[in-house]
Amino acid sequence: MTLFLRSMTILAILFLFSGCEKATAPEKKILKETFGEFEGEEVDIYTLKNTNGVEIKITNYGGIVTSIRLPDRNGKFDDVALGYDNLQDYINNSPYFGCIVGRYGNRIGNARFILGGEEYTLNKNDGENSLHGGIKGFDKVLWNTEPVIGEDSQSLKLTYLSKDGEEGFPGNLSVTVTYTLTEDNSFIIDYLAATDEPTIVNLTNHTYWNLAGEGSGDILKHELMLNADSFTPVDQGLIPTGEIRSVKNTPMDFTKPTAIGDRIDSDDEQLKFGKGYDHNWVLNSNESDELKLAAAVYEPVNGRFMEILTTEPGIQFYSGNFLDGSITGKSGRAYGFRNGFCLETQHFPDSPNKPEFPSVALSPDETYKTTTIHKFSVR
């Protein structure tokens, strides 16, 4: 009997220790919180966080990346994405902060295009042009969400059905955008889309970056490299002319790391049209759908470094030329002229009207699939 009791006691102790291990093991989870209300529906915000402390917040309104917290070379964390700390400001007054852009990222000249011999007219929201999907693009709708826990990653899958005729675009377009944060400090965006009728599609993300921290001032000392020997020059309405021009001996040459502010105010027609940089660069690659280095950005004061890889053929570099101090961000400080920059991986602007550019047409027997990776580190 004594031996039996001893055996039972040992088993009970082992069971308790086993239970303690399970109770104290870190639980992987994606935090979900209420962010407000839009058109009578609750809006949520999700937090992806890895074991290194890197943290990304995303809301299902517009698929907006509201915050990206990264360490500098001394381990100090800052939020490097411009934006707001409340939903209402995103709804009322946002220059596309952090959002999913669609159905067509960038501009379509004269808000019209021809596909399959038929002309389609889009809503105008940029003078005579259509910009970033029109009046109510993908940045202004609620997306369905599904948090996904991986072995070494956390993801948020967002889905949306853009109905036939929405903003003038043909076909019912089913879209999936998946944001993933990995343990090696990579932020991956995967885009998928399918249609039931021939249509056009060009999806991207519109995060405004400042690697010194949002609200810290201008981005002119950031050193930028673009893996592109050419770009697509624009007219005064910022619509590509159709030419693909070499960057050599122009202020558009970022083939070697160069401070953004070094030549931004040069006496150059293209810079005058855009009030700075607001152009598409043609990425160097033998294959348009292979994953390739597109850009690298270094903030020399704090050492933050970001590389961007993509399967897309182009990247739009925008130097925040239309920020004017009228927007107050999360830090409580105003976002002034050139206080943030965008690097939007994409097909070229106005491609539907430029047959010489890579096609953006999507048919029902095809799947639209692109990937962009942001790799964060310090130097």
Foldseek 3Di string as FASTA:
>chain_A
DVVVVVVVVVVVVVVVVVVVVVVPPDDDDKDKDFQQDDPRHTKIKIWWAAPLGWIWIFIQQQRATAWTWDAFPVGDIFTFWWDASHDVCLQPPDPQARGKFDQAAAKAPQQWFDDPNDIWHFEDDQVSIAHRQHDCTSNGDGWDWDWDDDPFKTKIKTWDWDDACRRGWGFTKIKIWMWMAGNQGKTKIKIKIATAFKTFGKIKTWTWGAVVHQQPDAQQQKWKAFQFQWWFAADLSRAGPLDTGGCPPHPVHRNDTDGQNPCQPPPDPRSVSQVGFFTKGFHDDPALQDWDWGMKIADVPRFKIKTKIKSHGIWTKHQQQPQCQPDQTHVRGTQHGRSTMTIIRIFHHNCSVRVVGPGRMHGNVDMDIMMMMMRIDGD
